[in-house]
Amino acid sequence: MIERGERLVLVDAFGEKRVKRALSPVTEGRDFPIVWACDESEWEQAQRDKRDPDPDPFPWPANAVHR
């Protein structure tokens, strides 16, 4: 179970690992399960500004999540 704010390691289409913060648990996307996430810097800035973080422009496939 993925929880909001949890640090995730996501593997992009090029095989590069990216550290992100979860904004949602795994949810059903149109074609496959997804996770919404944001960059660590966005998460930290949103916490300082007392606002919700802006998500990445596209959701991540749940199978790209590695812990």
N, C-alpha and C. Protein backbone atom coordinates (compact mmCIF):
# COMPACT_ATOMS: atom_id res chain seq x y z
N MET A 1 0.83 -1.17 0.00
CA MET A 1 0.00 0.00 0.00
C MET A 1 0.89 1.25 0.00
N ILE A 2 0.69 2.10 -0.95
CA ILE A 2 1.44 3.35 -1.05
C ILE A 2 0.65 4.44 -0.35
N GLU A 3 1.32 5.22 0.48
CA GLU A 3 0.68 6.29 1.22
C GLU A 3 1.16 7.64 0.74
N ARG A 4 0.29 8.64 0.79
CA ARG A 4 0.64 10.01 0.40
C ARG A 4 1.88 10.45 1.18
N GLY A 5 2.84 11.04 0.46
CA GLY A 5 4.06 11.52 1.08
C GLY A 5 5.19 10.51 1.13
N GLU A 6 4.88 9.26 0.84
CA GLU A 6 5.91 8.21 0.86
C GLU A 6 6.93 8.46 -0.25
N ARG A 7 8.20 8.25 0.07
CA ARG A 7 9.25 8.35 -0.96
C ARG A 7 9.19 7.10 -1.82
N LEU A 8 9.21 7.32 -3.12
CA LEU A 8 9.17 6.23 -4.07
C LEU A 8 10.36 6.32 -5.01
N VAL A 9 10.83 5.20 -5.46
CA VAL A 9 11.81 5.15 -6.55
C VAL A 9 11.03 4.67 -7.76
N LEU A 10 10.99 5.51 -8.78
CA LEU A 10 10.26 5.20 -10.00
C LEU A 10 11.25 5.04 -11.14
N VAL A 11 11.01 4.07 -12.00
CA VAL A 11 11.88 3.83 -13.16
C VAL A 11 11.17 4.37 -14.39
N ASP A 12 11.84 5.32 -15.07
CA ASP A 12 11.21 5.94 -16.24
C ASP A 12 11.39 5.07 -17.50
N ALA A 13 10.90 5.54 -18.62
CA ALA A 13 10.92 4.76 -19.87
C ALA A 13 12.34 4.48 -20.36
N PHE A 14 13.32 5.24 -19.87
CA PHE A 14 14.71 5.04 -20.28
C PHE A 14 15.49 4.18 -19.29
N GLY A 15 14.79 3.68 -18.27
CA GLY A 15 15.44 2.84 -17.26
C GLY A 15 16.12 3.63 -16.16
N GLU A 16 15.94 4.96 -16.16
CA GLU A 16 16.54 5.81 -15.12
C GLU A 16 15.67 5.80 -13.87
N LYS A 17 16.30 5.75 -12.71
CA LYS A 17 15.58 5.79 -11.45
C LYS A 17 15.38 7.24 -11.02
N ARG A 18 14.18 7.55 -10.56
CA ARG A 18 13.84 8.89 -10.09
C ARG A 18 13.17 8.78 -8.73
N VAL A 19 13.63 9.59 -7.79
CA VAL A 19 13.02 9.61 -6.47
C VAL A 19 11.91 10.65 -6.49
N LYS A 20 10.74 10.23 -6.08
CA LYS A 20 9.55 11.08 -6.08
C LYS A 20 8.82 10.91 -4.76
N ARG A 21 7.79 11.73 -4.55
CA ARG A 21 6.89 11.60 -3.40
C ARG A 21 5.52 11.22 -3.92
N ALA A 22 4.91 10.24 -3.30
CA ALA A 22 3.57 9.78 -3.70
C ALA A 22 2.53 10.83 -3.33
N LEU A 23 1.63 11.08 -4.25
CA LEU A 23 0.49 11.96 -3.99
C LEU A 23 -0.80 11.16 -3.90
N SER A 24 -0.74 9.90 -4.27
CA SER A 24 -1.93 9.06 -4.23
C SER A 24 -1.51 7.61 -4.01
N PRO A 25 -2.45 6.79 -3.55
CA PRO A 25 -2.18 5.36 -3.58
C PRO A 25 -2.31 4.88 -5.02
N VAL A 26 -2.08 3.62 -5.24
CA VAL A 26 -2.29 3.05 -6.58
C VAL A 26 -3.78 3.16 -6.89
N THR A 27 -4.09 3.74 -8.05
CA THR A 27 -5.48 3.88 -8.49
C THR A 27 -5.60 3.34 -9.91
N GLU A 28 -6.80 3.04 -10.29
CA GLU A 28 -7.02 2.49 -11.63
C GLU A 28 -7.00 3.63 -12.65
N GLY A 29 -6.06 3.57 -13.58
CA GLY A 29 -6.02 4.52 -14.69
C GLY A 29 -6.92 4.03 -15.80
N ARG A 30 -6.86 4.70 -16.94
CA ARG A 30 -7.72 4.29 -18.05
C ARG A 30 -7.36 2.91 -18.56
N ASP A 31 -6.05 2.62 -18.67
CA ASP A 31 -5.60 1.34 -19.23
C ASP A 31 -4.85 0.45 -18.24
N PHE A 32 -4.37 1.02 -17.14
CA PHE A 32 -3.56 0.25 -16.18
C PHE A 32 -3.50 1.02 -14.86
N PRO A 33 -3.10 0.36 -13.78
CA PRO A 33 -2.98 1.03 -12.48
C PRO A 33 -1.89 2.11 -12.51
N ILE A 34 -2.15 3.23 -11.83
CA ILE A 34 -1.24 4.37 -11.83
C ILE A 34 -1.00 4.89 -10.41
N VAL A 35 0.02 5.74 -10.31
CA VAL A 35 0.32 6.48 -9.08
C VAL A 35 0.63 7.91 -9.49
N TRP A 36 0.02 8.87 -8.79
CA TRP A 36 0.38 10.27 -8.99
C TRP A 36 1.52 10.60 -8.05
N ALA A 37 2.50 11.35 -8.53
CA ALA A 37 3.68 11.67 -7.73
C ALA A 37 4.17 13.07 -8.08
N CYS A 38 5.13 13.55 -7.30
CA CYS A 38 5.77 14.84 -7.58
C CYS A 38 7.24 14.74 -7.19
N ASP A 39 8.01 15.71 -7.66
CA ASP A 39 9.43 15.78 -7.29
C ASP A 39 9.56 16.10 -5.80
N GLU A 40 10.66 15.67 -5.24
CA GLU A 40 10.96 15.93 -3.83
C GLU A 40 10.95 17.44 -3.55
N SER A 41 11.54 18.22 -4.44
CA SER A 41 11.60 19.67 -4.23
C SER A 41 10.20 20.29 -4.20
N GLU A 42 9.29 19.82 -5.06
CA GLU A 42 7.91 20.32 -5.07
C GLU A 42 7.21 19.95 -3.78
N TRP A 43 7.44 18.73 -3.31
CA TRP A 43 6.84 18.29 -2.05
C TRP A 43 7.27 19.21 -0.90
N GLU A 44 8.58 19.46 -0.81
CA GLU A 44 9.12 20.28 0.27
C GLU A 44 8.61 21.72 0.19
N GLN A 45 8.58 22.29 -1.02
CA GLN A 45 8.10 23.66 -1.19
C GLN A 45 6.62 23.77 -0.81
N ALA A 46 5.83 22.80 -1.22
CA ALA A 46 4.41 22.80 -0.88
C ALA A 46 4.21 22.72 0.63
N GLN A 47 5.03 21.93 1.32
CA GLN A 47 4.94 21.85 2.77
C GLN A 47 5.25 23.20 3.40
N ARG A 48 6.27 23.89 2.90
CA ARG A 48 6.61 25.22 3.42
C ARG A 48 5.49 26.23 3.15
N ASP A 49 4.89 26.13 1.96
CA ASP A 49 3.83 27.07 1.56
C ASP A 49 2.45 26.68 2.09
N LYS A 50 2.37 25.54 2.77
CA LYS A 50 1.09 25.03 3.31
C LYS A 50 0.04 24.90 2.21
N ARG A 51 0.43 24.19 1.14
CA ARG A 51 -0.47 23.94 0.01
C ARG A 51 -0.27 22.51 -0.47
N ASP A 52 -1.18 22.05 -1.31
CA ASP A 52 -1.02 20.73 -1.92
C ASP A 52 0.05 20.81 -3.00
N PRO A 53 0.90 19.80 -3.08
CA PRO A 53 1.93 19.79 -4.13
C PRO A 53 1.30 19.64 -5.52
N ASP A 54 1.94 20.25 -6.50
CA ASP A 54 1.53 20.06 -7.89
C ASP A 54 2.07 18.72 -8.37
N PRO A 55 1.22 17.89 -8.95
CA PRO A 55 1.68 16.57 -9.42
C PRO A 55 2.51 16.69 -10.70
N ASP A 56 3.28 15.65 -10.98
CA ASP A 56 3.93 15.54 -12.28
C ASP A 56 2.84 15.65 -13.35
N PRO A 57 3.18 16.08 -14.56
CA PRO A 57 2.15 16.25 -15.59
C PRO A 57 1.44 14.96 -15.99
N PHE A 58 2.09 13.83 -15.80
CA PHE A 58 1.50 12.55 -16.17
C PHE A 58 1.63 11.59 -14.99
N PRO A 59 0.67 10.69 -14.80
CA PRO A 59 0.79 9.69 -13.73
C PRO A 59 1.85 8.65 -14.10
N TRP A 60 2.33 7.99 -13.09
CA TRP A 60 3.31 6.92 -13.28
C TRP A 60 2.60 5.57 -13.27
N PRO A 61 3.00 4.66 -14.16
CA PRO A 61 2.44 3.29 -14.09
C PRO A 61 2.83 2.67 -12.75
N ALA A 62 1.91 1.99 -12.12
CA ALA A 62 2.19 1.38 -10.83
C ALA A 62 3.35 0.37 -10.91
N ASN A 63 3.51 -0.26 -12.08
CA ASN A 63 4.61 -1.25 -12.19
C ASN A 63 5.97 -0.57 -12.32
N ALA A 64 6.03 0.77 -12.38
CA ALA A 64 7.30 1.50 -12.41
C ALA A 64 7.79 1.82 -11.00
N VAL A 65 6.96 1.53 -9.99
CA VAL A 65 7.30 1.84 -8.60
C VAL A 65 8.19 0.74 -8.03
N HIS A 66 9.31 1.17 -7.46
CA HIS A 66 10.22 0.27 -6.75
C HIS A 66 10.52 0.93 -5.42
N ARG A 67 10.54 0.14 -4.38
CA ARG A 67 10.78 0.72 -3.04
C ARG A 67 12.16 0.44 -2.58
